[in-house]
Protein backbone atom coordinates (compact mmCIF):
# COMPACT_ATOMS: atom_id res chain seq x y z
CA MET A 1 40.51 -23.06 -18.37
CA THR A 2 42.05 -26.23 -17.07
CA GLU A 3 40.02 -29.23 -16.05
CA LEU A 4 40.81 -28.55 -12.38
CA GLU A 5 39.53 -24.95 -12.67
CA THR A 6 36.39 -26.16 -14.44
CA GLU A 7 35.68 -28.70 -11.68
CA LYS A 8 36.33 -26.11 -8.99
CA LEU A 9 33.91 -23.72 -10.70
CA LYS A 10 31.24 -26.45 -10.99
CA LYS A 11 31.66 -27.26 -7.31
CA LEU A 12 31.34 -23.60 -6.31
CA LYS A 13 28.21 -23.19 -8.44
CA ALA A 14 26.69 -26.30 -6.85
CA GLU A 15 27.49 -24.93 -3.39
CA ARG A 16 25.92 -21.61 -4.33
CA THR A 17 22.77 -23.37 -5.56
CA ALA A 18 22.54 -25.33 -2.32
CA LEU A 19 23.11 -22.19 -0.27
CA ASP A 20 20.45 -20.30 -2.24
CA ALA A 21 18.00 -23.12 -1.49
CA ARG A 22 18.82 -22.96 2.23
CA ILE A 23 18.37 -19.18 2.19
CA ARG A 24 14.95 -19.53 0.52
CA GLN A 25 13.96 -22.19 3.06
CA GLU A 26 14.97 -20.01 6.01
CA GLN A 27 13.15 -17.02 4.51
CA GLN A 28 10.01 -19.13 4.12
CA LYS A 29 10.26 -20.17 7.79
CA LEU A 30 10.56 -16.54 8.87
CA ASN A 31 7.64 -15.51 6.65
CA GLU A 32 5.48 -18.34 8.03
CA LYS A 33 6.35 -17.38 11.62
CA ALA A 34 5.49 -13.73 10.94
CA ARG A 35 2.19 -14.74 9.32
CA LYS A 36 1.26 -16.93 12.31
CA GLN A 37 2.12 -14.14 14.75
CA ASP A 38 0.05 -11.67 12.72
CA ASN A 39 -2.94 -14.05 12.69
CA HIS A 40 -2.61 -14.66 16.43
CA ARG A 41 -2.45 -10.92 17.10
CA LYS A 42 -5.61 -10.36 15.03
CA ILE A 43 -7.46 -13.14 16.87
CA LEU A 44 -6.58 -11.57 20.22
CA GLN A 45 -7.64 -8.13 18.98
CA GLY A 46 -10.97 -9.54 17.83
CA ALA A 47 -11.54 -11.32 21.15
CA CYS A 48 -10.75 -8.10 23.00
CA ALA A 49 -13.16 -6.11 20.83
CA GLU A 50 -15.92 -8.70 21.33
CA GLU A 51 -15.47 -8.64 25.09
CA TRP A 52 -15.48 -4.83 25.12
CA ALA A 53 -18.65 -4.81 23.00
CA ARG A 54 -20.37 -7.15 25.50
CA ARG A 55 -19.62 -4.70 28.30
CA ASP A 56 -20.25 -1.41 26.49
CA SER A 57 -23.34 -1.00 24.29
CA GLU A 58 -22.09 2.31 22.90
CA PHE A 59 -18.88 0.66 21.77
CA ALA A 60 -20.86 -2.30 20.41
CA ALA A 61 -22.98 0.01 18.24
CA ARG A 62 -19.91 1.85 16.94
CA PHE A 63 -18.06 -1.42 16.36
CA MET A 64 -20.93 -2.91 14.34
CA LYS A 65 -21.17 0.30 12.30
CA GLU A 66 -17.47 -0.02 11.49
CA MET A 67 -17.85 -3.73 10.71
CA ASP A 68 -20.76 -2.92 8.39
CA ALA A 69 -18.48 -0.58 6.43
CA PHE A 70 -15.41 -2.84 6.58
CA VAL A 71 -16.84 -6.28 5.74
CA THR A 72 -17.77 -6.34 2.06
CA ARG A 73 -18.03 -10.03 1.23
CA ASN A 74 -21.56 -11.34 1.84
CA GLU A 75 -20.35 -14.74 3.05
CA GLU A 76 -18.36 -12.91 5.75
CA ARG A 77 -21.17 -10.46 6.56
CA VAL A 78 -23.35 -13.42 7.54
CA LEU A 79 -20.84 -14.27 10.29
CA PHE A 80 -21.54 -10.93 11.96
CA GLY A 81 -25.29 -10.81 11.34
CA LEU A 82 -24.88 -7.97 8.83
CA THR A 83 -27.30 -7.36 5.99
CA PRO A 84 -25.99 -8.73 2.70
CA LEU A 85 -24.84 -6.16 0.18
CA PRO A 86 -26.55 -6.06 -3.23
CA ASN A 87 -24.69 -7.95 -5.93
CA PRO A 88 -23.01 -5.62 -8.40
CA LYS A 89 -24.47 -5.71 -11.91
CA LYS A 90 -22.26 -7.49 -14.42
């Protein structure tokens, strides 16, 4: 390879590295936006469920039964007034 070809190859590799970095950065932005949208959607769903539970005692009972089965971490169960689960034996 000539010196000119070697320099051209180095330049192309540097451009590829820069482009790869830009691609990663854009992918991170898209992932962050999707995560924020997902969190926002879940917050709205929770607010809707809470409001429905305030209006409908039958739904509230069913909802709390589902929450009791779904929420397994004791520090989170406290947030919903659920009975703590027994600690597993080690």
